[in-house]
């Protein structure tokens, strides 16, 4: 219960989490500790100001989202057909998948999920509070508030086992699906391994289209468009 685990994708996310950790552990003297996952995969770090310039969130909302467990990193220009969720370095594959899906004519919102564990923990706490006070106005968990108006395909992709992102499934809208690295796989490159587990950009695109087709939101011609 005293462990807070995070899987940041970008430098500014890490800075927000570390600063909050120092405040809570050393200033407030809370009996907690943090587990942060960092990677050796090289990619460019976006500036938080550029993320804020997209207009989806204020600075306070973005910072709170990082600490809560997720926020909209790159929103769709209009109502999203597809939502892509990822954390850590696998978010780069979701960014590429968004570009491919946009080229096919879909509106895509991209979410940076800094902690599925913290979101699940909050959802459990809210559910318990609602059970204990059934006559009071029902509380809403953070993950439910994040995706309360989401529809279409909602694809979470992780470098971990699918059960990690499945931890929030009970509070997600219809259309939620997880791609993970369950099973065994060996390769000489990270790209080949992700292709083997079907968590790379191409697999994300295929999963999103199959999800839309399964919900009856696109026809067979659009389903096969990515394979042309």
Protein backbone atom coordinates (compact mmCIF):
# COMPACT_ATOMS: atom_id res chain seq x y z
CA UNK A 1 0.00 0.00 0.00
CA UNK A 2 2.90 2.41 0.53
CA UNK A 3 4.36 1.81 -2.95
CA UNK A 4 3.56 4.22 -5.80
CA UNK A 5 4.65 2.89 -9.21
CA UNK A 6 5.01 4.95 -12.38
CA UNK A 7 6.04 4.30 -15.98
CA UNK A 8 6.81 7.74 -17.47
CA UNK A 9 7.42 8.20 -21.18
CA UNK A 10 9.00 11.68 -21.21
CA UNK A 11 11.44 13.78 -19.24
CA UNK A 12 8.88 16.30 -18.05
CA UNK A 13 6.69 13.48 -16.70
CA UNK A 14 9.65 12.13 -14.74
CA UNK A 15 10.41 15.60 -13.36
CA UNK A 16 6.80 16.03 -12.17
CA UNK A 17 6.79 12.64 -10.44
CA UNK A 18 10.20 13.09 -8.79
CA UNK A 19 9.28 16.56 -7.50
CA UNK A 20 6.03 15.25 -6.04
CA UNK A 21 7.87 12.29 -4.52
CA UNK A 22 10.38 14.58 -2.82
CA UNK A 23 7.56 16.74 -1.47
CA UNK A 24 5.57 13.83 -0.08
CA UNK A 25 8.46 11.76 1.28
CA UNK A 26 10.79 14.47 2.60
CA UNK A 27 8.62 17.54 3.20
CA UNK A 28 5.38 15.90 4.30
CA UNK A 29 7.22 12.86 5.75
CA UNK A 30 4.63 10.44 4.34
CA UNK A 31 5.42 6.75 4.82
CA UNK A 32 5.56 5.96 1.09
CA UNK A 33 8.13 5.15 -1.58
CA UNK A 34 8.20 5.27 -5.38
CA UNK A 35 9.05 2.76 -8.10
CA UNK A 36 9.92 4.42 -11.43
CA UNK A 37 10.58 2.54 -14.67
CA UNK A 38 13.15 4.14 -17.01
CA UNK A 39 14.39 2.88 -20.38
CA UNK A 40 17.48 2.79 -22.56
CA UNK A 41 15.54 3.36 -25.80
CA UNK A 42 16.59 6.65 -27.43
CA UNK A 43 13.96 9.08 -28.72
CA UNK A 44 13.32 12.81 -28.69
CA UNK A 45 11.71 14.28 -25.59
CA UNK A 46 8.85 16.71 -26.23
CA UNK A 47 8.69 20.01 -24.42
CA UNK A 48 5.78 20.27 -21.98
CA UNK A 49 4.99 23.71 -23.39
CA UNK A 50 4.45 22.15 -26.82
CA UNK A 51 2.06 19.59 -25.32
CA UNK A 52 0.14 22.38 -23.58
CA UNK A 53 -0.01 24.36 -26.83
CA UNK A 54 -2.23 21.66 -28.30
CA UNK A 55 -4.92 23.06 -26.01
CA UNK A 56 -6.35 19.91 -24.43
CA UNK A 57 -5.15 20.64 -20.88
CA UNK A 58 -3.92 23.45 -18.67
CA UNK A 59 -0.52 23.06 -17.00
CA UNK A 60 -2.13 22.15 -13.67
CA UNK A 61 -4.37 19.56 -15.34
CA UNK A 62 -1.43 17.99 -17.18
CA UNK A 63 0.69 17.81 -14.02
CA UNK A 64 -2.18 16.33 -12.04
CA UNK A 65 -2.84 13.84 -14.83
CA UNK A 66 0.76 12.64 -14.71
CA UNK A 67 0.43 12.06 -10.96
CA UNK A 68 -3.04 10.51 -11.20
CA UNK A 69 -1.88 7.97 -13.81
CA UNK A 70 -2.75 9.33 -17.24
CA UNK A 71 -3.62 12.32 -19.43
CA UNK A 72 -4.39 13.16 -23.05
CA UNK A 73 -0.97 13.76 -24.63
CA UNK A 74 -2.16 14.49 -28.17
CA UNK A 75 -5.92 14.99 -28.65
CA UNK A 76 -7.90 14.41 -31.83
CA UNK A 77 -8.87 17.52 -33.79
CA UNK A 78 -12.54 16.56 -33.50
CA UNK A 79 -14.45 13.68 -31.90
CA UNK A 80 -12.05 10.74 -31.73
CA UNK A 81 -12.76 7.53 -33.63
CA UNK A 82 -9.83 5.84 -31.86
CA UNK A 83 -8.09 6.27 -28.52
CA UNK A 84 -4.55 4.91 -28.14
CA UNK A 85 -3.16 4.41 -24.63
CA UNK A 86 0.49 3.70 -23.86
CA UNK A 87 3.19 4.29 -21.25
CA UNK A 88 6.96 4.45 -21.25
CA UNK A 89 8.88 3.91 -24.48
CA UNK A 90 6.07 1.92 -26.14
CA UNK A 91 4.28 5.26 -26.48
CA UNK A 92 6.54 5.89 -29.48
CA UNK A 93 4.80 3.03 -31.28
CA UNK A 94 1.42 4.57 -30.48
CA UNK A 95 2.60 7.92 -31.86
CA UNK A 96 3.55 6.22 -35.14
CA UNK A 97 0.27 4.32 -35.19
CA UNK A 98 -1.64 7.58 -34.77
CA UNK A 99 0.11 9.03 -37.83
CA UNK A 100 -0.79 5.95 -39.89
CA UNK A 101 -4.41 6.00 -38.75
CA UNK A 102 -4.72 9.72 -39.47
CA UNK A 103 -3.43 9.07 -42.99
CA UNK A 104 -6.34 6.64 -43.36
CA UNK A 105 -8.79 9.35 -42.33
CA UNK A 106 -9.38 8.57 -38.63
CA UNK A 107 -9.44 11.01 -35.73
CA UNK A 108 -7.15 9.69 -32.99
CA UNK A 109 -6.55 10.78 -29.40
CA UNK A 110 -3.26 9.69 -27.82
CA UNK A 111 -3.02 9.10 -24.07
CA UNK A 112 0.12 8.86 -21.95
CA UNK A 113 -0.67 6.39 -19.15
CA UNK A 114 1.90 7.02 -16.45
CA UNK A 115 0.44 4.49 -13.99
CA UNK A 116 -2.28 1.91 -14.61
CA UNK A 117 -1.66 0.75 -11.03
CA UNK A 118 -2.47 4.13 -9.47
CA UNK A 119 -5.60 4.48 -11.61
CA UNK A 120 -6.78 1.03 -10.55
CA UNK A 121 -6.02 1.79 -6.90
CA UNK A 122 -8.12 4.96 -7.06
CA UNK A 123 -10.98 3.14 -8.81
CA UNK A 124 -11.03 0.46 -6.10
CA UNK A 125 -11.07 3.15 -3.39
CA UNK A 126 -13.95 4.99 -5.06
CA UNK A 127 -15.91 1.75 -5.48
CA UNK A 128 -15.42 0.98 -1.77
CA UNK A 129 -16.55 4.47 -0.76
CA UNK A 130 -19.68 4.14 -2.88
CA UNK A 131 -20.48 0.76 -1.29
CA UNK A 132 -20.03 2.17 2.18
CA UNK A 133 -22.24 5.19 1.46
CA UNK A 134 -24.88 3.96 -1.00
CA UNK A 135 -27.28 6.82 -0.22
CA UNK A 136 -24.71 9.54 -0.88
CA UNK A 137 -24.07 10.91 -4.38
CA UNK A 138 -21.89 8.39 -6.18
CA UNK A 139 -18.23 9.29 -6.52
CA UNK A 140 -16.50 8.89 -9.89
CA UNK A 141 -13.04 7.40 -10.23
CA UNK A 142 -10.27 9.24 -12.04
CA UNK A 143 -10.12 6.74 -14.88
CA UNK A 144 -13.89 6.94 -15.41
CA UNK A 145 -13.69 10.74 -15.51
CA UNK A 146 -10.85 10.56 -18.05
CA UNK A 147 -12.82 8.41 -20.50
CA UNK A 148 -16.42 9.32 -19.66
CA UNK A 149 -17.18 10.49 -23.20
CA UNK A 150 -14.83 8.15 -25.10
CA UNK A 151 -16.24 5.92 -27.82
CA UNK A 152 -14.97 3.90 -30.75
CA UNK A 153 -11.82 1.79 -30.48
CA UNK A 154 -9.85 2.19 -27.24
CA UNK A 155 -6.54 0.37 -27.60
CA UNK A 156 -4.00 0.12 -24.78
CA UNK A 157 -0.55 -1.16 -25.72
CA UNK A 158 2.14 -2.16 -23.25
CA UNK A 159 5.63 -3.67 -23.21
CA UNK A 160 4.41 -5.63 -20.16
CA UNK A 161 1.89 -8.42 -19.83
CA UNK A 162 -1.61 -7.45 -20.89
CA UNK A 163 -2.85 -7.88 -17.31
CA UNK A 164 -1.18 -4.58 -16.36
CA UNK A 165 -3.43 -2.46 -18.60
CA UNK A 166 -6.35 -4.83 -18.01
CA UNK A 167 -6.32 -3.61 -14.42
CA UNK A 168 -8.54 -0.65 -15.40
CA UNK A 169 -10.80 -2.59 -17.79
CA UNK A 170 -13.75 -2.74 -15.37
CA UNK A 171 -14.07 1.06 -15.48
CA UNK A 172 -13.42 1.59 -19.20
CA UNK A 173 -16.03 2.10 -21.94
CA UNK A 174 -17.00 -0.57 -24.45
CA UNK A 175 -14.32 -1.05 -27.07
CA UNK A 176 -11.42 -1.24 -24.61
CA UNK A 177 -8.77 -3.72 -25.73
CA UNK A 178 -5.21 -4.44 -24.55
CA UNK A 179 -2.13 -5.48 -26.52
CA UNK A 180 0.63 -6.93 -24.33
CA UNK A 181 3.77 -9.06 -24.39
CA UNK A 182 2.44 -12.30 -22.92
CA UNK A 183 4.36 -15.48 -23.75
CA UNK A 184 7.94 -16.09 -24.85
CA UNK A 185 9.95 -14.34 -27.54
CA UNK A 186 13.62 -13.90 -28.38
CA UNK A 187 15.14 -11.66 -31.03
CA UNK A 188 18.18 -9.60 -31.88
CA UNK A 189 16.29 -6.30 -31.91
CA UNK A 190 13.61 -4.48 -29.99
CA UNK A 191 11.67 -3.89 -33.22
CA UNK A 192 11.58 -7.60 -34.07
CA UNK A 193 10.48 -8.51 -30.56
CA UNK A 194 7.62 -6.00 -30.63
CA UNK A 195 6.56 -7.30 -34.02
CA UNK A 196 6.61 -10.84 -32.60
CA UNK A 197 4.34 -9.83 -29.69
CA UNK A 198 2.19 -7.66 -31.98
CA UNK A 199 2.65 -4.46 -30.00
CA UNK A 200 4.40 -2.37 -32.67
CA UNK A 201 2.81 0.46 -34.68
CA UNK A 202 1.54 -1.85 -37.44
CA UNK A 203 -0.11 -4.14 -34.91
CA UNK A 204 -1.73 -1.19 -33.15
CA UNK A 205 -3.21 0.04 -36.44
CA UNK A 206 -4.54 -3.43 -37.26
CA UNK A 207 -6.00 -3.85 -33.77
CA UNK A 208 -7.74 -0.47 -33.90
CA UNK A 209 -9.35 -1.21 -37.28
CA UNK A 210 -10.37 -4.72 -36.20
CA UNK A 211 -11.89 -3.23 -33.06
CA UNK A 212 -13.92 -0.71 -35.06
CA UNK A 213 -15.04 -3.44 -37.44
CA UNK A 214 -16.04 -5.71 -34.56
CA UNK A 215 -18.24 -2.93 -33.18
CA UNK A 216 -19.84 -2.41 -36.58
CA UNK A 217 -18.35 1.08 -36.93
CA UNK A 218 -16.52 0.46 -40.21
CA UNK A 219 -17.11 -1.86 -43.15
CA UNK A 220 -14.83 -4.56 -44.59
CA UNK A 221 -13.32 -2.22 -47.17
CA UNK A 222 -12.08 0.15 -44.46
CA UNK A 223 -10.91 -2.79 -42.38
CA UNK A 224 -8.61 -3.91 -45.19
CA UNK A 225 -7.41 -0.39 -46.08
CA UNK A 226 -4.28 -0.64 -43.91
CA UNK A 227 -3.11 -3.76 -45.76
CA UNK A 228 -3.09 -2.17 -49.21
